[in-house]
Amino acid sequence: MKANLLREAIRVAMSKRESHPMHLRGYKLYSFVVEHNKLLGYGVNNRDSIVKIHYGYNKRARGWATDFVTAEHAEISAWRKCRGLIESSFELINIRITDAGKIAMSCPCPCCRDWIVANGCTGVHFTTGSGWARMSLTSP
């Protein structure tokens, strides 16, 4: 992943943070779809969005509860918005921004990780509290 793509994703996320649906209600997560070293688009986490059951976040899958929550995670939101543009395998850039405007851990949760791998994602670059990390989603 080229450093200029990571910088561009941070710039976009910071410029859009006040319009994020979760603004002042928790962490704001942005997920950018990257194919052939080009940003195709992005999605955001949103607890208020009404989504079909297979796009929402299923608490039962993790044993946290017995119900289904219609919250949409940023990774799935990004894929949904870009699915007509994606031609082959792709990568994601995840950025989490706190209410104070700092970057924070944005590693995909296990449910999202399984979902994005099944839909062609080969890796995720994500923010940590101190910079960037990368998660490969393919066999070594």
C-alpha atoms as a PDB file:
ATOM      1  CA  MET A   1       0.000   0.000   0.000  1.00  0.00           C
ATOM      2  CA  LYS A   2       1.411   3.354  -0.966  1.00  0.00           C
ATOM      3  CA  ALA A   3       1.913   5.870   1.856  1.00  0.00           C
ATOM      4  CA  ASN A   4       0.098   8.565  -0.125  1.00  0.00           C
ATOM      5  CA  LEU A   5      -3.095   6.440  -0.067  1.00  0.00           C
ATOM      6  CA  LEU A   6      -2.912   6.153   3.722  1.00  0.00           C
ATOM      7  CA  ARG A   7      -2.381   9.920   4.021  1.00  0.00           C
ATOM      8  CA  GLU A   8      -5.285  10.612   1.652  1.00  0.00           C
ATOM      9  CA  ALA A   9      -7.587   8.297   3.632  1.00  0.00           C
ATOM     10  CA  ILE A  10      -6.654  10.096   6.891  1.00  0.00           C
ATOM     11  CA  ARG A  11      -7.263  13.475   5.234  1.00  0.00           C
ATOM     12  CA  VAL A  12     -10.722  12.432   4.002  1.00  0.00           C
ATOM     13  CA  ALA A  13     -11.684  10.877   7.347  1.00  0.00           C
ATOM     14  CA  MET A  14     -10.626  13.969   9.291  1.00  0.00           C
ATOM     15  CA  SER A  15     -12.461  16.281   6.882  1.00  0.00           C
ATOM     16  CA  LYS A  16     -15.676  14.235   7.174  1.00  0.00           C
ATOM     17  CA  ARG A  17     -15.636  13.538  10.910  1.00  0.00           C
ATOM     18  CA  GLU A  18     -18.186  16.190  11.902  1.00  0.00           C
ATOM     19  CA  SER A  19     -20.697  14.791   9.392  1.00  0.00           C
ATOM     20  CA  HIS A  20     -20.200  11.188  10.560  1.00  0.00           C
ATOM     21  CA  PRO A  21     -23.475   9.608  11.767  1.00  0.00           C
ATOM     22  CA  MET A  22     -21.818   8.750  15.087  1.00  0.00           C
ATOM     23  CA  HIS A  23     -20.396  12.263  15.602  1.00  0.00           C
ATOM     24  CA  LEU A  24     -20.202  12.994  19.345  1.00  0.00           C
ATOM     25  CA  ARG A  25     -21.673   9.568  20.124  1.00  0.00           C
ATOM     26  CA  GLY A  26     -18.565   7.459  20.159  1.00  0.00           C
ATOM     27  CA  TYR A  27     -15.780   6.439  17.884  1.00  0.00           C
ATOM     28  CA  LYS A  28     -16.079   7.138  14.209  1.00  0.00           C
ATOM     29  CA  LEU A  29     -14.802   4.352  11.966  1.00  0.00           C
ATOM     30  CA  TYR A  30     -14.092   4.833   8.254  1.00  0.00           C
ATOM     31  CA  SER A  31     -13.285   1.957   5.930  1.00  0.00           C
ATOM     32  CA  PHE A  32     -11.848   2.698   2.476  1.00  0.00           C
ATOM     33  CA  VAL A  33     -11.870   0.197  -0.397  1.00  0.00           C
ATOM     34  CA  VAL A  34      -8.571   0.124  -2.312  1.00  0.00           C
ATOM     35  CA  GLU A  35      -8.072  -1.663  -5.614  1.00  0.00           C
ATOM     36  CA  HIS A  36      -5.008  -1.325  -7.845  1.00  0.00           C
ATOM     37  CA  ASN A  37      -3.614   1.414  -5.535  1.00  0.00           C
ATOM     38  CA  LYS A  38      -6.714   3.554  -6.000  1.00  0.00           C
ATOM     39  CA  LEU A  39      -9.319   4.583  -3.421  1.00  0.00           C
ATOM     40  CA  LEU A  40     -12.711   3.488  -4.752  1.00  0.00           C
ATOM     41  CA  GLY A  41     -14.832   4.820  -1.914  1.00  0.00           C
ATOM     42  CA  TYR A  42     -15.538   4.508   1.783  1.00  0.00           C
ATOM     43  CA  GLY A  43     -18.122   3.490   4.324  1.00  0.00           C
ATOM     44  CA  VAL A  44     -18.750   4.358   7.971  1.00  0.00           C
ATOM     45  CA  ASN A  45     -20.087   2.587  11.044  1.00  0.00           C
ATOM     46  CA  ASN A  46     -23.641   3.533  11.857  1.00  0.00           C
ATOM     47  CA  ARG A  47     -25.798   2.250  14.697  1.00  0.00           C
ATOM     48  CA  ASP A  48     -28.828   4.051  13.271  1.00  0.00           C
ATOM     49  CA  SER A  49     -28.840   2.555   9.776  1.00  0.00           C
ATOM     50  CA  ILE A  50     -31.487  -0.015   8.964  1.00  0.00           C
ATOM     51  CA  VAL A  51     -29.889  -2.829   6.980  1.00  0.00           C
ATOM     52  CA  LYS A  52     -30.858  -6.300   5.854  1.00  0.00           C
ATOM     53  CA  ILE A  53     -30.065  -9.011   8.365  1.00  0.00           C
ATOM     54  CA  HIS A  54     -27.086 -10.354   6.396  1.00  0.00           C
ATOM     55  CA  TYR A  55     -25.428  -6.903   6.384  1.00  0.00           C
ATOM     56  CA  GLY A  56     -26.066  -6.050  10.025  1.00  0.00           C
ATOM     57  CA  TYR A  57     -24.104  -6.990  13.071  1.00  0.00           C
ATOM     58  CA  ASN A  58     -25.184 -10.238  14.612  1.00  0.00           C
ATOM     59  CA  LYS A  59     -24.415 -10.314  18.342  1.00  0.00           C
ATOM     60  CA  ARG A  60     -25.424 -13.975  18.453  1.00  0.00           C
ATOM     61  CA  ALA A  61     -22.414 -14.900  16.301  1.00  0.00           C
ATOM     62  CA  ARG A  62     -20.080 -13.752  19.072  1.00  0.00           C
ATOM     63  CA  GLY A  63     -22.162 -15.057  21.983  1.00  0.00           C
ATOM     64  CA  TRP A  64     -22.766 -11.537  23.337  1.00  0.00           C
ATOM     65  CA  ALA A  65     -26.554 -11.630  23.244  1.00  0.00           C
ATOM     66  CA  THR A  66     -29.510 -13.426  21.746  1.00  0.00           C
ATOM     67  CA  ASP A  67     -30.656 -10.678  19.426  1.00  0.00           C
ATOM     68  CA  PHE A  68     -29.785  -9.098  16.101  1.00  0.00           C
ATOM     69  CA  VAL A  69     -28.651  -5.482  15.876  1.00  0.00           C
ATOM     70  CA  THR A  70     -29.168  -3.569  12.638  1.00  0.00           C
ATOM     71  CA  ALA A  71     -25.976  -1.588  13.083  1.00  0.00           C
ATOM     72  CA  GLU A  72     -23.762  -1.533  10.017  1.00  0.00           C
ATOM     73  CA  HIS A  73     -20.010  -1.786  10.377  1.00  0.00           C
ATOM     74  CA  ALA A  74     -17.794   0.410   8.205  1.00  0.00           C
ATOM     75  CA  GLU A  75     -16.156  -2.500   6.381  1.00  0.00           C
ATOM     76  CA  ILE A  76     -19.505  -3.825   5.151  1.00  0.00           C
ATOM     77  CA  SER A  77     -20.775  -0.313   4.403  1.00  0.00           C
ATOM     78  CA  ALA A  78     -17.691   0.356   2.239  1.00  0.00           C
ATOM     79  CA  TRP A  79     -18.047  -2.928   0.369  1.00  0.00           C
ATOM     80  CA  ARG A  80     -21.759  -2.313  -0.270  1.00  0.00           C
ATOM     81  CA  LYS A  81     -21.086   1.175  -1.679  1.00  0.00           C
ATOM     82  CA  CYS A  82     -18.225  -0.011  -3.910  1.00  0.00           C
ATOM     83  CA  ARG A  83     -19.360  -3.493  -4.935  1.00  0.00           C
ATOM     84  CA  GLY A  84     -20.222  -2.396  -8.484  1.00  0.00           C
ATOM     85  CA  LEU A  85     -16.761  -0.833  -8.886  1.00  0.00           C
ATOM     86  CA  ILE A  86     -14.681  -3.698  -7.472  1.00  0.00           C
ATOM     87  CA  GLU A  87     -13.251  -5.800 -10.300  1.00  0.00           C
ATOM     88  CA  SER A  88     -10.924  -8.157  -8.422  1.00  0.00           C
ATOM     89  CA  SER A  89      -9.450  -8.673  -4.989  1.00  0.00           C
ATOM     90  CA  PHE A  90      -9.205  -5.517  -2.911  1.00  0.00           C
ATOM     91  CA  GLU A  91      -7.773  -4.185   0.329  1.00  0.00           C
ATOM     92  CA  LEU A  92      -9.268  -1.979   3.020  1.00  0.00           C
ATOM     93  CA  ILE A  93      -7.928   0.967   4.977  1.00  0.00           C
ATOM     94  CA  ASN A  94      -9.614   1.320   8.378  1.00  0.00           C
ATOM     95  CA  ILE A  95      -9.389   4.560  10.365  1.00  0.00           C
ATOM     96  CA  ARG A  96     -10.962   5.175  13.753  1.00  0.00           C
ATOM     97  CA  ILE A  97     -11.173   8.735  15.068  1.00  0.00           C
ATOM     98  CA  THR A  98     -12.046   9.629  18.642  1.00  0.00           C
ATOM     99  CA  ASP A  99     -14.251  12.559  19.614  1.00  0.00           C
ATOM    100  CA  ALA A 100     -11.023  14.402  20.452  1.00  0.00           C
ATOM    101  CA  GLY A 101      -9.773  13.965  16.862  1.00  0.00           C
ATOM    102  CA  LYS A 102      -7.108  11.343  17.641  1.00  0.00           C
ATOM    103  CA  ILE A 103      -6.621   8.098  15.755  1.00  0.00           C
ATOM    104  CA  ALA A 104      -7.360   4.881  17.618  1.00  0.00           C
ATOM    105  CA  MET A 105      -7.384   1.104  17.080  1.00  0.00           C
ATOM    106  CA  SER A 106      -9.457   0.147  14.047  1.00  0.00           C
ATOM    107  CA  CYS A 107      -8.651  -3.543  13.565  1.00  0.00           C
ATOM    108  CA  PRO A 108     -11.664  -5.338  12.056  1.00  0.00           C
ATOM    109  CA  CYS A 109     -13.752  -7.401  14.465  1.00  0.00           C
ATOM    110  CA  PRO A 110     -13.902 -11.185  13.887  1.00  0.00           C
ATOM    111  CA  CYS A 111     -17.350 -10.991  12.249  1.00  0.00           C
ATOM    112  CA  CYS A 112     -16.216  -8.340   9.755  1.00  0.00           C
ATOM    113  CA  ARG A 113     -12.928 -10.106   9.119  1.00  0.00           C
ATOM    114  CA  ASP A 114     -14.760 -13.301   8.105  1.00  0.00           C
ATOM    115  CA  TRP A 115     -17.256 -11.344   5.991  1.00  0.00           C
ATOM    116  CA  ILE A 116     -14.701  -9.296   4.044  1.00  0.00           C
ATOM    117  CA  VAL A 117     -12.468 -12.320   3.356  1.00  0.00           C
ATOM    118  CA  ALA A 118     -15.498 -14.155   1.931  1.00  0.00           C
ATOM    119  CA  ASN A 119     -16.098 -11.169  -0.368  1.00  0.00           C
ATOM    120  CA  GLY A 120     -12.564 -10.824  -1.794  1.00  0.00           C
ATOM    121  CA  CYS A 121     -10.563  -8.690   0.642  1.00  0.00           C
ATOM    122  CA  THR A 122      -6.886  -9.676   0.834  1.00  0.00           C
ATOM    123  CA  GLY A 123      -5.626  -7.289   3.519  1.00  0.00           C
ATOM    124  CA  VAL A 124      -6.457  -4.449   5.878  1.00  0.00           C
ATOM    125  CA  HIS A 125      -4.294  -1.483   6.825  1.00  0.00           C
ATOM    126  CA  PHE A 126      -5.629  -0.088  10.086  1.00  0.00           C
ATOM    127  CA  THR A 127      -4.835   2.641  12.554  1.00  0.00           C
ATOM    128  CA  THR A 128      -3.540   1.911  16.021  1.00  0.00           C
ATOM    129  CA  GLY A 129      -3.150   4.402  18.839  1.00  0.00           C
ATOM    130  CA  SER A 130       0.377   5.106  17.603  1.00  0.00           C
ATOM    131  CA  GLY A 131       0.317   4.665  13.832  1.00  0.00           C
ATOM    132  CA  TRP A 132      -0.490   1.939  11.310  1.00  0.00           C
ATOM    133  CA  ALA A 133      -0.583  -1.848  11.239  1.00  0.00           C
ATOM    134  CA  ARG A 134      -1.406  -4.347   8.497  1.00  0.00           C
ATOM    135  CA  MET A 135      -3.370  -7.559   8.622  1.00  0.00           C
ATOM    136  CA  SER A 136      -2.937 -10.016   5.752  1.00  0.00           C
ATOM    137  CA  LEU A 137      -6.084 -11.983   4.977  1.00  0.00           C
ATOM    138  CA  THR A 138      -4.503 -14.481   2.588  1.00  0.00           C
ATOM    139  CA  SER A 139      -2.394 -17.550   3.104  1.00  0.00           C
ATOM    140  CA  PRO A 140       1.369 -16.869   3.524  1.00  0.00           C
END
